[in-house]
Amino acid sequence: MHAYRGRKNKKRFMRRLWIVRINAGARANGTTYSQLTHALLLAGIQIDRKALADLAVMDPIAFTKVVETAKRAAAAAAA
């Protein structure tokens, strides 16, 4: 009876979880979620929230490299 609503809520919940995980990883690297997403856009890095959240949790070194690359691109765009 509530399965339809549950499927919709699951999607919302997972998106919120991914954003929390990305934000935690971003703050560990000296930025915020919103600044990181903007920098990724400027860098032309197309990676979805699910993959980015998995990187932040499972492979913090690779996540740090992605953040650094995005930060450099954002700094270059601002200059």
PDB file of N, CA and C in Angstrom:
ATOM      1  N   MET A   1       0.811  -1.190   0.000  1.00  0.00           N
ATOM      2  CA  MET A   1       0.000   0.000   0.000  1.00  0.00           C
ATOM      3  C   MET A   1       0.868   1.273   0.000  1.00  0.00           C
ATOM      4  N   HIS A   2       1.987   1.222   0.735  1.00  0.00           N
ATOM      5  CA  HIS A   2       2.829   2.402   0.823  1.00  0.00           C
ATOM      6  C   HIS A   2       4.094   2.274  -0.028  1.00  0.00           C
ATOM      7  N   ALA A   3       4.133   1.279  -0.876  1.00  0.00           N
ATOM      8  CA  ALA A   3       5.352   1.033  -1.652  1.00  0.00           C
ATOM      9  C   ALA A   3       5.644   2.168  -2.624  1.00  0.00           C
ATOM     10  N   TYR A   4       4.627   2.729  -3.230  1.00  0.00           N
ATOM     11  CA  TYR A   4       4.833   3.814  -4.199  1.00  0.00           C
ATOM     12  C   TYR A   4       5.505   5.007  -3.517  1.00  0.00           C
ATOM     13  N   ARG A   5       4.968   5.399  -2.374  1.00  0.00           N
ATOM     14  CA  ARG A   5       5.529   6.523  -1.635  1.00  0.00           C
ATOM     15  C   ARG A   5       6.938   6.194  -1.147  1.00  0.00           C
ATOM     16  N   GLY A   6       7.150   4.951  -0.728  1.00  0.00           N
ATOM     17  CA  GLY A   6       8.457   4.531  -0.241  1.00  0.00           C
ATOM     18  C   GLY A   6       9.532   4.613  -1.312  1.00  0.00           C
ATOM     19  N   ARG A   7       9.186   4.256  -2.539  1.00  0.00           N
ATOM     20  CA  ARG A   7      10.159   4.346  -3.637  1.00  0.00           C
ATOM     21  C   ARG A   7      10.560   5.790  -3.886  1.00  0.00           C
ATOM     22  N   LYS A   8       9.623   6.701  -3.800  1.00  0.00           N
ATOM     23  CA  LYS A   8       9.928   8.123  -3.998  1.00  0.00           C
ATOM     24  C   LYS A   8      10.785   8.659  -2.847  1.00  0.00           C
ATOM     25  N   ASN A   9      10.446   8.273  -1.632  1.00  0.00           N
ATOM     26  CA  ASN A   9      11.200   8.730  -0.467  1.00  0.00           C
ATOM     27  C   ASN A   9      12.628   8.189  -0.464  1.00  0.00           C
ATOM     28  N   LYS A  10      12.810   6.960  -0.953  1.00  0.00           N
ATOM     29  CA  LYS A  10      14.139   6.367  -1.000  1.00  0.00           C
ATOM     30  C   LYS A  10      15.069   7.188  -1.879  1.00  0.00           C
ATOM     31  N   LYS A  11      14.571   7.658  -3.002  1.00  0.00           N
ATOM     32  CA  LYS A  11      15.375   8.472  -3.911  1.00  0.00           C
ATOM     33  C   LYS A  11      15.801   9.769  -3.228  1.00  0.00           C
ATOM     34  N   ARG A  12      14.872  10.407  -2.526  1.00  0.00           N
ATOM     35  CA  ARG A  12      15.179  11.638  -1.800  1.00  0.00           C
ATOM     36  C   ARG A  12      16.208  11.394  -0.706  1.00  0.00           C
ATOM     37  N   PHE A  13      16.023  10.305   0.028  1.00  0.00           N
ATOM     38  CA  PHE A  13      16.921   9.986   1.125  1.00  0.00           C
ATOM     39  C   PHE A  13      18.336   9.721   0.619  1.00  0.00           C
ATOM     40  N   MET A  14      18.460   8.964  -0.459  1.00  0.00           N
ATOM     41  CA  MET A  14      19.781   8.638  -0.980  1.00  0.00           C
ATOM     42  C   MET A  14      20.495   9.888  -1.484  1.00  0.00           C
ATOM     43  N   ARG A  15      19.781  10.770  -2.157  1.00  0.00           N
ATOM     44  CA  ARG A  15      20.398  12.009  -2.633  1.00  0.00           C
ATOM     45  C   ARG A  15      20.917  12.837  -1.455  1.00  0.00           C
ATOM     46  N   ARG A  16      20.125  12.938  -0.384  1.00  0.00           N
ATOM     47  CA  ARG A  16      20.550  13.679   0.804  1.00  0.00           C
ATOM     48  C   ARG A  16      21.783  13.037   1.440  1.00  0.00           C
ATOM     49  N   LEU A  17      21.818  11.713   1.482  1.00  0.00           N
ATOM     50  CA  LEU A  17      22.956  10.998   2.049  1.00  0.00           C
ATOM     51  C   LEU A  17      24.219  11.263   1.236  1.00  0.00           C
ATOM     52  N   TRP A  18      24.101  11.211  -0.102  1.00  0.00           N
ATOM     53  CA  TRP A  18      25.260  11.475  -0.955  1.00  0.00           C
ATOM     54  C   TRP A  18      25.781  12.882  -0.729  1.00  0.00           C
ATOM     55  N   ILE A  19      24.885  13.852  -0.633  1.00  0.00           N
ATOM     56  CA  ILE A  19      25.309  15.236  -0.435  1.00  0.00           C
ATOM     57  C   ILE A  19      26.012  15.405   0.909  1.00  0.00           C
ATOM     58  N   VAL A  20      25.514  14.750   1.944  1.00  0.00           N
ATOM     59  CA  VAL A  20      26.155  14.822   3.264  1.00  0.00           C
ATOM     60  C   VAL A  20      27.557  14.230   3.199  1.00  0.00           C
ATOM     61  N   ARG A  21      27.706  13.102   2.526  1.00  0.00           N
ATOM     62  CA  ARG A  21      29.023  12.462   2.426  1.00  0.00           C
ATOM     63  C   ARG A  21      29.995  13.309   1.617  1.00  0.00           C
ATOM     64  N   ILE A  22      29.522  13.885   0.517  1.00  0.00           N
ATOM     65  CA  ILE A  22      30.383  14.741  -0.303  1.00  0.00           C
ATOM     66  C   ILE A  22      30.790  15.972   0.490  1.00  0.00           C
ATOM     67  N   ASN A  23      29.855  16.567   1.206  1.00  0.00           N
ATOM     68  CA  ASN A  23      30.142  17.756   2.000  1.00  0.00           C
ATOM     69  C   ASN A  23      31.172  17.444   3.085  1.00  0.00           C
ATOM     70  N   ALA A  24      31.055  16.298   3.716  1.00  0.00           N
ATOM     71  CA  ALA A  24      32.021  15.924   4.752  1.00  0.00           C
ATOM     72  C   ALA A  24      33.418  15.776   4.144  1.00  0.00           C
ATOM     73  N   GLY A  25      33.500  15.126   2.994  1.00  0.00           N
ATOM     74  CA  GLY A  25      34.796  14.986   2.330  1.00  0.00           C
ATOM     75  C   GLY A  25      35.338  16.307   1.839  1.00  0.00           C
ATOM     76  N   ALA A  26      34.456  17.159   1.344  1.00  0.00           N
ATOM     77  CA  ALA A  26      34.887  18.468   0.857  1.00  0.00           C
ATOM     78  C   ALA A  26      35.409  19.320   2.001  1.00  0.00           C
ATOM     79  N   ARG A  27      34.730  19.306   3.129  1.00  0.00           N
ATOM     80  CA  ARG A  27      35.176  20.098   4.283  1.00  0.00           C
ATOM     81  C   ARG A  27      36.504  19.582   4.823  1.00  0.00           C
ATOM     82  N   ALA A  28      36.746  18.290   4.705  1.00  0.00           N
ATOM     83  CA  ALA A  28      38.044  17.740   5.109  1.00  0.00           C
ATOM     84  C   ALA A  28      39.153  18.243   4.191  1.00  0.00           C
ATOM     85  N   ASN A  29      38.782  18.683   2.987  1.00  0.00           N
ATOM     86  CA  ASN A  29      39.754  19.204   2.032  1.00  0.00           C
ATOM     87  C   ASN A  29      39.710  20.721   1.916  1.00  0.00           C
ATOM     88  N   GLY A  30      39.069  21.388   2.851  1.00  0.00           N
ATOM     89  CA  GLY A  30      39.103  22.837   2.909  1.00  0.00           C
ATOM     90  C   GLY A  30      38.128  23.562   2.009  1.00  0.00           C
ATOM     91  N   THR A  31      37.033  22.940   1.647  1.00  0.00           N
ATOM     92  CA  THR A  31      36.021  23.600   0.832  1.00  0.00           C
ATOM     93  C   THR A  31      34.639  23.144   1.301  1.00  0.00           C
ATOM     94  N   THR A  32      33.603  23.578   0.617  1.00  0.00           N
ATOM     95  CA  THR A  32      32.249  23.151   0.959  1.00  0.00           C
ATOM     96  C   THR A  32      31.630  22.453  -0.240  1.00  0.00           C
ATOM     97  N   TYR A  33      30.475  21.864  -0.017  1.00  0.00           N
ATOM     98  CA  TYR A  33      29.788  21.144  -1.089  1.00  0.00           C
ATOM     99  C   TYR A  33      29.463  22.071  -2.250  1.00  0.00           C
ATOM    100  N   SER A  34      28.922  23.239  -1.957  1.00  0.00           N
ATOM    101  CA  SER A  34      28.509  24.140  -3.032  1.00  0.00           C
ATOM    102  C   SER A  34      29.709  24.678  -3.799  1.00  0.00           C
ATOM    103  N   GLN A  35      30.789  25.003  -3.092  1.00  0.00           N
ATOM    104  CA  GLN A  35      31.992  25.463  -3.772  1.00  0.00           C
ATOM    105  C   GLN A  35      32.595  24.354  -4.624  1.00  0.00           C
ATOM    106  N   LEU A  36      32.546  23.138  -4.117  1.00  0.00           N
ATOM    107  CA  LEU A  36      33.087  22.001  -4.859  1.00  0.00           C
ATOM    108  C   LEU A  36      32.289  21.742  -6.130  1.00  0.00           C
ATOM    109  N   THR A  37      30.968  21.766  -6.037  1.00  0.00           N
ATOM    110  CA  THR A  37      30.167  21.509  -7.236  1.00  0.00           C
ATOM    111  C   THR A  37      30.387  22.594  -8.287  1.00  0.00           C
ATOM    112  N   HIS A  38      30.550  23.827  -7.850  1.00  0.00           N
ATOM    113  CA  HIS A  38      30.831  24.911  -8.799  1.00  0.00           C
ATOM    114  C   HIS A  38      32.210  24.714  -9.442  1.00  0.00           C
ATOM    115  N   ALA A  39      33.194  24.339  -8.641  1.00  0.00           N
ATOM    116  CA  ALA A  39      34.538  24.111  -9.165  1.00  0.00           C
ATOM    117  C   ALA A  39      34.553  22.931 -10.131  1.00  0.00           C
ATOM    118  N   LEU A  40      33.788  21.894  -9.835  1.00  0.00           N
ATOM    119  CA  LEU A  40      33.705  20.749 -10.749  1.00  0.00           C
ATOM    120  C   LEU A  40      33.104  21.165 -12.079  1.00  0.00           C
ATOM    121  N   LEU A  41      32.119  22.036 -12.032  1.00  0.00           N
ATOM    122  CA  LEU A  41      31.502  22.548 -13.249  1.00  0.00           C
ATOM    123  C   LEU A  41      32.518  23.335 -14.073  1.00  0.00           C
ATOM    124  N   LEU A  42      33.278  24.208 -13.413  1.00  0.00           N
ATOM    125  CA  LEU A  42      34.285  25.002 -14.107  1.00  0.00           C
ATOM    126  C   LEU A  42      35.405  24.128 -14.676  1.00  0.00           C
ATOM    127  N   ALA A  43      35.732  23.043 -13.969  1.00  0.00           N
ATOM    128  CA  ALA A  43      36.794  22.152 -14.412  1.00  0.00           C
ATOM    129  C   ALA A  43      36.338  21.219 -15.524  1.00  0.00           C
ATOM    130  N   GLY A  44      35.041  21.127 -15.723  1.00  0.00           N
ATOM    131  CA  GLY A  44      34.516  20.221 -16.748  1.00  0.00           C
ATOM    132  C   GLY A  44      34.512  18.769 -16.308  1.00  0.00           C
ATOM    133  N   ILE A  45      34.561  18.554 -15.004  1.00  0.00           N
ATOM    134  CA  ILE A  45      34.537  17.193 -14.467  1.00  0.00           C
ATOM    135  C   ILE A  45      33.087  16.780 -14.292  1.00  0.00           C
ATOM    136  N   GLN A  46      32.670  15.783 -15.047  1.00  0.00           N
ATOM    137  CA  GLN A  46      31.287  15.317 -14.973  1.00  0.00           C
ATOM    138  C   GLN A  46      31.248  13.999 -14.219  1.00  0.00           C
ATOM    139  N   ILE A  47      30.933  14.106 -12.940  1.00  0.00           N
ATOM    140  CA  ILE A  47      30.814  12.923 -12.092  1.00  0.00           C
ATOM    141  C   ILE A  47      29.561  13.108 -11.249  1.00  0.00           C
ATOM    142  N   ASP A  48      28.760  12.069 -11.170  1.00  0.00           N
ATOM    143  CA  ASP A  48      27.492  12.212 -10.451  1.00  0.00           C
ATOM    144  C   ASP A  48      27.691  12.111  -8.943  1.00  0.00           C
ATOM    145  N   ARG A  49      26.656  12.480  -8.219  1.00  0.00           N
ATOM    146  CA  ARG A  49      26.742  12.528  -6.761  1.00  0.00           C
ATOM    147  C   ARG A  49      27.031  11.154  -6.162  1.00  0.00           C
ATOM    148  N   LYS A  50      26.438  10.126  -6.728  1.00  0.00           N
ATOM    149  CA  LYS A  50      26.628   8.782  -6.182  1.00  0.00           C
ATOM    150  C   LYS A  50      28.094   8.375  -6.267  1.00  0.00           C
ATOM    151  N   ALA A  51      28.699   8.566  -7.421  1.00  0.00           N
ATOM    152  CA  ALA A  51      30.102   8.183  -7.604  1.00  0.00           C
ATOM    153  C   ALA A  51      31.015   9.053  -6.752  1.00  0.00           C
ATOM    154  N   LEU A  52      30.706  10.335  -6.666  1.00  0.00           N
ATOM    155  CA  LEU A  52      31.521  11.250  -5.868  1.00  0.00           C
ATOM    156  C   LEU A  52      31.435  10.894  -4.383  1.00  0.00           C
ATOM    157  N   ALA A  53      30.254  10.534  -3.922  1.00  0.00           N
ATOM    158  CA  ALA A  53      30.082  10.124  -2.519  1.00  0.00           C
ATOM    159  C   ALA A  53      30.828   8.825  -2.243  1.00  0.00           C
ATOM    160  N   ASP A  54      30.795   7.887  -3.189  1.00  0.00           N
ATOM    161  CA  ASP A  54      31.541   6.641  -3.021  1.00  0.00           C
ATOM    162  C   ASP A  54      33.038   6.909  -2.947  1.00  0.00           C
ATOM    163  N   LEU A  55      33.528   7.826  -3.789  1.00  0.00           N
ATOM    164  CA  LEU A  55      34.943   8.199  -3.727  1.00  0.00           C
ATOM    165  C   LEU A  55      35.283   8.796  -2.371  1.00  0.00           C
ATOM    166  N   ALA A  56      34.431   9.666  -1.871  1.00  0.00           N
ATOM    167  CA  ALA A  56      34.696  10.328  -0.596  1.00  0.00           C
ATOM    168  C   ALA A  56      34.785   9.324   0.546  1.00  0.00           C
ATOM    169  N   VAL A  57      33.980   8.275   0.480  1.00  0.00           N
ATOM    170  CA  VAL A  57      33.947   7.292   1.565  1.00  0.00           C
ATOM    171  C   VAL A  57      34.993   6.197   1.368  1.00  0.00           C
ATOM    172  N   MET A  58      35.059   5.641   0.171  1.00  0.00           N
ATOM    173  CA  MET A  58      35.892   4.468  -0.071  1.00  0.00           C
ATOM    174  C   MET A  58      37.345   4.792  -0.437  1.00  0.00           C
ATOM    175  N   ASP A  59      37.561   5.919  -1.116  1.00  0.00           N
ATOM    176  CA  ASP A  59      38.906   6.259  -1.583  1.00  0.00           C
ATOM    177  C   ASP A  59      39.172   7.748  -1.368  1.00  0.00           C
ATOM    178  N   PRO A  60      39.466   8.145  -0.137  1.00  0.00           N
ATOM    179  CA  PRO A  60      39.659   9.562   0.156  1.00  0.00           C
ATOM    180  C   PRO A  60      40.827  10.193  -0.600  1.00  0.00           C
ATOM    181  N   ILE A  61      41.836   9.410  -0.944  1.00  0.00           N
ATOM    182  CA  ILE A  61      42.986   9.950  -1.675  1.00  0.00           C
ATOM    183  C   ILE A  61      42.557  10.382  -3.073  1.00  0.00           C
ATOM    184  N   ALA A  62      41.787   9.542  -3.752  1.00  0.00           N
ATOM    185  CA  ALA A  62      41.291   9.897  -5.083  1.00  0.00           C
ATOM    186  C   ALA A  62      40.332  11.080  -4.998  1.00  0.00           C
ATOM    187  N   PHE A  63      39.516  11.106  -3.960  1.00  0.00           N
ATOM    188  CA  PHE A  63      38.592  12.229  -3.781  1.00  0.00           C
ATOM    189  C   PHE A  63      39.368  13.524  -3.597  1.00  0.00           C
ATOM    190  N   THR A  64      40.448  13.469  -2.833  1.00  0.00           N
ATOM    191  CA  THR A  64      41.284  14.652  -2.628  1.00  0.00           C
ATOM    192  C   THR A  64      41.876  15.132  -3.945  1.00  0.00           C
ATOM    193  N   LYS A  65      42.283  14.211  -4.795  1.00  0.00           N
ATOM    194  CA  LYS A  65      42.843  14.599  -6.095  1.00  0.00           C
ATOM    195  C   LYS A  65      41.784  15.260  -6.972  1.00  0.00           C
ATOM    196  N   VAL A  66      40.561  14.758  -6.922  1.00  0.00           N
ATOM    197  CA  VAL A  66      39.471  15.370  -7.683  1.00  0.00           C
ATOM    198  C   VAL A  66      39.208  16.778  -7.169  1.00  0.00           C
ATOM    199  N   VAL A  67      39.196  16.941  -5.843  1.00  0.00           N
ATOM    200  CA  VAL A  67      38.952  18.259  -5.245  1.00  0.00           C
ATOM    201  C   VAL A  67      40.066  19.226  -5.629  1.00  0.00           C
ATOM    202  N   GLU A  68      41.310  18.786  -5.565  1.00  0.00           N
ATOM    203  CA  GLU A  68      42.431  19.651  -5.915  1.00  0.00           C
ATOM    204  C   GLU A  68      42.374  20.075  -7.374  1.00  0.00           C
ATOM    205  N   THR A  69      42.029  19.145  -8.255  1.00  0.00           N
ATOM    206  CA  THR A  69      41.904  19.460  -9.670  1.00  0.00           C
ATOM    207  C   THR A  69      40.799  20.499  -9.899  1.00  0.00           C
ATOM    208  N   ALA A  70      39.679  20.310  -9.232  1.00  0.00           N
ATOM    209  CA  ALA A  70      38.566  21.255  -9.363  1.00  0.00           C
ATOM    210  C   ALA A  70      38.942  22.618  -8.808  1.00  0.00           C
ATOM    211  N   LYS A  71      39.647  22.657  -7.684  1.00  0.00           N
ATOM    212  CA  LYS A  71      40.067  23.924  -7.090  1.00  0.00           C
ATOM    213  C   LYS A  71      41.007  24.683  -8.028  1.00  0.00           C
ATOM    214  N   ARG A  72      41.955  23.963  -8.653  1.00  0.00           N
ATOM    215  CA  ARG A  72      42.876  24.613  -9.585  1.00  0.00           C
ATOM    216  C   ARG A  72      42.127  25.204 -10.760  1.00  0.00           C
ATOM    217  N   ALA A  73      41.155  24.480 -11.279  1.00  0.00           N
ATOM    218  CA  ALA A  73      40.373  24.980 -12.414  1.00  0.00           C
ATOM    219  C   ALA A  73      39.559  26.201 -12.021  1.00  0.00           C
ATOM    220  N   ALA A  74      39.000  26.191 -10.824  1.00  0.00           N
ATOM    221  CA  ALA A  74      38.222  27.338 -10.350  1.00  0.00           C
ATOM    222  C   ALA A  74      39.113  28.548 -10.145  1.00  0.00           C
ATOM    223  N   ALA A  75      40.323  28.336  -9.626  1.00  0.00           N
ATOM    224  CA  ALA A  75      41.261  29.440  -9.417  1.00  0.00           C
ATOM    225  C   ALA A  75      41.704  30.028 -10.761  1.00  0.00           C
ATOM    226  N   ALA A  76      41.919  29.156 -11.740  1.00  0.00           N
ATOM    227  CA  ALA A  76      42.325  29.615 -13.067  1.00  0.00           C
ATOM    228  C   ALA A  76      41.198  30.397 -13.741  1.00  0.00           C
ATOM    229  N   ALA A  77      39.964  29.974 -13.527  1.00  0.00           N
ATOM    230  CA  ALA A  77      38.814  30.654 -14.116  1.00  0.00           C
ATOM    231  C   ALA A  77      38.604  32.024 -13.464  1.00  0.00           C
ATOM    232  N   ALA A  78      38.922  32.119 -12.175  1.00  0.00           N
ATOM    233  CA  ALA A  78      38.731  33.380 -11.467  1.00  0.00           C
ATOM    234  C   ALA A  78      39.812  34.401 -11.835  1.00  0.00           C
ATOM    235  N   ALA A  79      40.982  33.903 -12.227  1.00  0.00           N
ATOM    236  CA  ALA A  79      42.098  34.812 -12.537  1.00  0.00           C
ATOM    237  C   ALA A  79      42.030  35.380 -13.935  1.00  0.00           C
TER     238      ALA A  79
END
